[in-house]
């Protein structure tokens, strides 16, 4: 059995969803291109997400950094 995370499962689901819509592909290169573009799209969406509560913690972390390193 292989243990995976939700992010991996979500990525696999998106790739399957995009490949399923295309009944057949002309070559292996075409499939690789679709997988690559799907992952690029997911990466852009994930980068736009912000962690809940991080904004509040960010200033506290900056203060701790300044106290410790005097910057």
Protein backbone atom coordinates (compact mmCIF):
# COMPACT_ATOMS: atom_id res chain seq x y z
CA UNK A 1 0.00 0.00 0.00
CA UNK A 2 1.24 3.49 -0.82
CA UNK A 3 0.39 6.40 1.47
CA UNK A 4 -0.31 9.68 -0.31
CA UNK A 5 -1.38 13.13 0.74
CA UNK A 6 -4.48 15.05 -0.23
CA UNK A 7 -2.41 17.27 -2.55
CA UNK A 8 -1.18 14.27 -4.50
CA UNK A 9 -4.65 12.77 -4.67
CA UNK A 10 -6.06 16.08 -5.88
CA UNK A 11 -3.37 16.35 -8.56
CA UNK A 12 -4.06 12.81 -9.77
CA UNK A 13 -7.79 13.52 -9.88
CA UNK A 14 -7.28 16.67 -11.97
CA UNK A 15 -4.99 14.86 -14.42
CA UNK A 16 -7.48 11.99 -14.81
CA UNK A 17 -10.31 14.50 -15.31
CA UNK A 18 -8.46 16.31 -18.09
CA UNK A 19 -7.29 13.15 -19.83
CA UNK A 20 -10.73 11.52 -19.68
CA UNK A 21 -12.33 14.38 -21.59
CA UNK A 22 -10.01 13.60 -24.51
CA UNK A 23 -11.05 10.18 -25.73
CA UNK A 24 -7.75 9.54 -27.45
CA UNK A 25 -4.42 11.24 -27.70
CA UNK A 26 -2.20 11.27 -30.76
CA UNK A 27 0.99 10.32 -28.93
CA UNK A 28 2.73 9.91 -25.62
CA UNK A 29 4.12 13.44 -26.03
CA UNK A 30 0.56 14.79 -26.18
CA UNK A 31 -0.31 13.04 -22.90
CA UNK A 32 2.88 14.34 -21.27
CA UNK A 33 2.05 17.86 -22.41
CA UNK A 34 -1.45 17.67 -20.89
CA UNK A 35 -0.05 16.37 -17.60
CA UNK A 36 2.57 19.13 -17.56
CA UNK A 37 0.04 21.88 -18.31
CA UNK A 38 -2.38 20.52 -15.72
CA UNK A 39 0.32 20.60 -13.04
CA UNK A 40 1.36 24.12 -14.07
CA UNK A 41 -2.26 25.27 -13.75
CA UNK A 42 -2.62 23.68 -10.32
CA UNK A 43 0.65 25.25 -9.18
CA UNK A 44 -0.59 28.72 -10.14
CA UNK A 45 -3.86 28.18 -8.28
CA UNK A 46 -2.10 26.86 -5.16
CA UNK A 47 0.27 29.81 -5.07
CA UNK A 48 -2.71 32.17 -4.93
CA UNK A 49 -4.04 30.49 -1.75
CA UNK A 50 -3.18 32.12 1.52
CA UNK A 51 -2.88 30.23 4.76
CA UNK A 52 -5.63 31.01 7.24
CA UNK A 53 -4.33 32.94 10.20
CA UNK A 54 -0.89 33.53 8.70
CA UNK A 55 -1.37 37.29 8.37
CA UNK A 56 -1.82 37.58 12.14
CA UNK A 57 1.19 35.39 12.83
CA UNK A 58 3.37 37.12 10.23
CA UNK A 59 3.85 40.32 12.25
CA UNK A 60 4.56 38.33 15.41
CA UNK A 61 7.18 36.29 13.56
CA UNK A 62 8.79 39.44 12.19
CA UNK A 63 8.98 40.91 15.71
CA UNK A 64 10.60 37.73 17.06
CA UNK A 65 13.12 37.79 14.21
CA UNK A 66 14.03 41.42 14.92
CA UNK A 67 14.42 40.69 18.65
CA UNK A 68 16.65 37.70 18.06
CA UNK A 69 18.84 39.07 15.26
CA UNK A 70 18.59 42.82 15.83
CA UNK A 71 17.63 43.53 12.25
